[in-house]
Amino acid sequence: MIYPIVFALGMALGWGLAAKRGGKPADRALYGVVFGMIAMVVTLFVALIIGKLV
């Protein structure tokens, strides 16, 4: 499915952002997980909207 891919992309984005800001490994992991979950929720809502339109 697309959700694990979206989660991985969101996690990479969050990890990179935390690293750019000088975060420690725990900060990077936290940013990664939160960004991954946000990306999954947005993807879920987009999928639901597209499903209702079709």
N, C-alpha and C. Protein backbone atom coordinates (compact mmCIF):
# COMPACT_ATOMS: atom_id res chain seq x y z
N MET A 1 0.83 -1.19 0.00
CA MET A 1 0.00 0.00 0.00
C MET A 1 0.87 1.25 0.00
N ILE A 2 0.20 2.34 -0.14
CA ILE A 2 0.91 3.61 -0.24
C ILE A 2 1.27 4.18 1.13
N TYR A 3 0.57 3.77 2.18
CA TYR A 3 0.80 4.38 3.50
C TYR A 3 2.21 4.16 4.06
N PRO A 4 2.78 2.96 3.95
CA PRO A 4 4.16 2.82 4.44
C PRO A 4 5.16 3.68 3.67
N ILE A 5 4.92 3.84 2.37
CA ILE A 5 5.81 4.69 1.56
C ILE A 5 5.67 6.14 2.00
N VAL A 6 4.44 6.59 2.20
CA VAL A 6 4.21 7.97 2.64
C VAL A 6 4.79 8.19 4.03
N PHE A 7 4.65 7.21 4.90
CA PHE A 7 5.23 7.33 6.24
C PHE A 7 6.75 7.46 6.15
N ALA A 8 7.38 6.64 5.31
CA ALA A 8 8.83 6.69 5.17
C ALA A 8 9.29 8.04 4.61
N LEU A 9 8.55 8.57 3.65
CA LEU A 9 8.91 9.89 3.11
C LEU A 9 8.75 10.99 4.15
N GLY A 10 7.66 10.94 4.90
CA GLY A 10 7.45 11.92 5.96
C GLY A 10 8.50 11.80 7.05
N MET A 11 8.87 10.57 7.37
CA MET A 11 9.89 10.37 8.39
C MET A 11 11.23 10.92 7.92
N ALA A 12 11.56 10.68 6.66
CA ALA A 12 12.82 11.21 6.13
C ALA A 12 12.82 12.73 6.15
N LEU A 13 11.68 13.33 5.82
CA LEU A 13 11.58 14.79 5.84
C LEU A 13 11.75 15.33 7.26
N GLY A 14 11.08 14.73 8.21
CA GLY A 14 11.20 15.16 9.61
C GLY A 14 12.58 14.95 10.17
N TRP A 15 13.18 13.81 9.85
CA TRP A 15 14.54 13.51 10.31
C TRP A 15 15.52 14.55 9.77
N GLY A 16 15.39 14.85 8.48
CA GLY A 16 16.28 15.83 7.87
C GLY A 16 16.10 17.23 8.45
N LEU A 17 14.87 17.60 8.72
CA LEU A 17 14.60 18.91 9.31
C LEU A 17 15.22 19.02 10.70
N ALA A 18 15.07 17.98 11.50
CA ALA A 18 15.64 18.00 12.84
C ALA A 18 17.17 18.01 12.78
N ALA A 19 17.74 17.28 11.83
CA ALA A 19 19.19 17.27 11.69
C ALA A 19 19.70 18.64 11.26
N LYS A 20 18.95 19.29 10.39
CA LYS A 20 19.33 20.63 9.92
C LYS A 20 19.32 21.64 11.07
N ARG A 21 18.41 21.44 12.01
CA ARG A 21 18.31 22.34 13.17
C ARG A 21 19.25 21.94 14.30
N GLY A 22 20.05 20.91 14.08
CA GLY A 22 21.03 20.50 15.08
C GLY A 22 20.47 19.64 16.19
N GLY A 23 19.43 18.88 15.91
CA GLY A 23 18.82 18.05 16.94
C GLY A 23 19.62 16.80 17.24
N LYS A 24 19.43 16.30 18.44
CA LYS A 24 20.06 15.05 18.85
C LYS A 24 19.29 13.88 18.23
N PRO A 25 19.84 12.66 18.29
CA PRO A 25 19.14 11.52 17.67
C PRO A 25 17.70 11.33 18.16
N ALA A 26 17.44 11.57 19.43
CA ALA A 26 16.07 11.43 19.94
C ALA A 26 15.15 12.48 19.31
N ASP A 27 15.65 13.70 19.13
CA ASP A 27 14.87 14.75 18.48
C ASP A 27 14.59 14.38 17.03
N ARG A 28 15.59 13.84 16.37
CA ARG A 28 15.42 13.44 14.97
C ARG A 28 14.37 12.34 14.83
N ALA A 29 14.43 11.37 15.73
CA ALA A 29 13.45 10.28 15.69
C ALA A 29 12.04 10.81 15.97
N LEU A 30 11.91 11.71 16.93
CA LEU A 30 10.60 12.27 17.26
C LEU A 30 10.04 13.05 16.08
N TYR A 31 10.84 13.92 15.50
CA TYR A 31 10.40 14.68 14.33
C TYR A 31 10.02 13.73 13.20
N GLY A 32 10.82 12.71 13.00
CA GLY A 32 10.55 11.76 11.93
C GLY A 32 9.22 11.05 12.11
N VAL A 33 8.97 10.56 13.31
CA VAL A 33 7.72 9.84 13.56
C VAL A 33 6.52 10.77 13.43
N VAL A 34 6.62 11.97 13.97
CA VAL A 34 5.50 12.91 13.91
C VAL A 34 5.22 13.31 12.46
N PHE A 35 6.26 13.63 11.70
CA PHE A 35 6.06 13.99 10.30
C PHE A 35 5.49 12.81 9.50
N GLY A 36 5.96 11.61 9.81
CA GLY A 36 5.44 10.43 9.13
C GLY A 36 3.96 10.22 9.41
N MET A 37 3.55 10.41 10.67
CA MET A 37 2.13 10.25 11.02
C MET A 37 1.27 11.34 10.38
N ILE A 38 1.77 12.56 10.35
CA ILE A 38 1.03 13.65 9.71
C ILE A 38 0.85 13.36 8.23
N ALA A 39 1.91 12.89 7.58
CA ALA A 39 1.82 12.56 6.16
C ALA A 39 0.81 11.45 5.91
N MET A 40 0.76 10.46 6.81
CA MET A 40 -0.21 9.37 6.64
C MET A 40 -1.64 9.86 6.82
N VAL A 41 -1.89 10.73 7.78
CA VAL A 41 -3.24 11.25 8.00
C VAL A 41 -3.69 12.09 6.81
N VAL A 42 -2.80 12.93 6.29
CA VAL A 42 -3.14 13.74 5.11
C VAL A 42 -3.44 12.83 3.93
N THR A 43 -2.64 11.79 3.74
CA THR A 43 -2.87 10.84 2.65
C THR A 43 -4.20 10.12 2.82
N LEU A 44 -4.54 9.77 4.04
CA LEU A 44 -5.82 9.11 4.30
C LEU A 44 -6.99 10.01 3.92
N PHE A 45 -6.93 11.29 4.34
CA PHE A 45 -8.01 12.20 3.99
C PHE A 45 -8.11 12.45 2.49
N VAL A 46 -6.98 12.54 1.82
CA VAL A 46 -7.00 12.72 0.37
C VAL A 46 -7.62 11.49 -0.30
N ALA A 47 -7.27 10.31 0.17
CA ALA A 47 -7.83 9.08 -0.38
C ALA A 47 -9.34 9.02 -0.15
N LEU A 48 -9.79 9.45 1.02
CA LEU A 48 -11.22 9.45 1.31
C LEU A 48 -11.96 10.44 0.42
N ILE A 49 -11.40 11.62 0.23
CA ILE A 49 -12.03 12.63 -0.63
C ILE A 49 -12.10 12.15 -2.06
N ILE A 50 -11.00 11.56 -2.55
CA ILE A 50 -11.01 11.06 -3.92
C ILE A 50 -12.01 9.91 -4.05
N GLY A 51 -12.11 9.07 -3.03
CA GLY A 51 -13.07 7.98 -3.06
C GLY A 51 -14.51 8.45 -3.10
N LYS A 52 -14.80 9.56 -2.43
CA LYS A 52 -16.16 10.10 -2.45
C LYS A 52 -16.49 10.76 -3.80
N LEU A 53 -15.49 11.31 -4.45
CA LEU A 53 -15.71 12.00 -5.71
C LEU A 53 -15.89 11.02 -6.87
N VAL A 54 -15.30 9.85 -6.75
CA VAL A 54 -15.35 8.88 -7.86
C VAL A 54 -16.54 8.01 -7.77
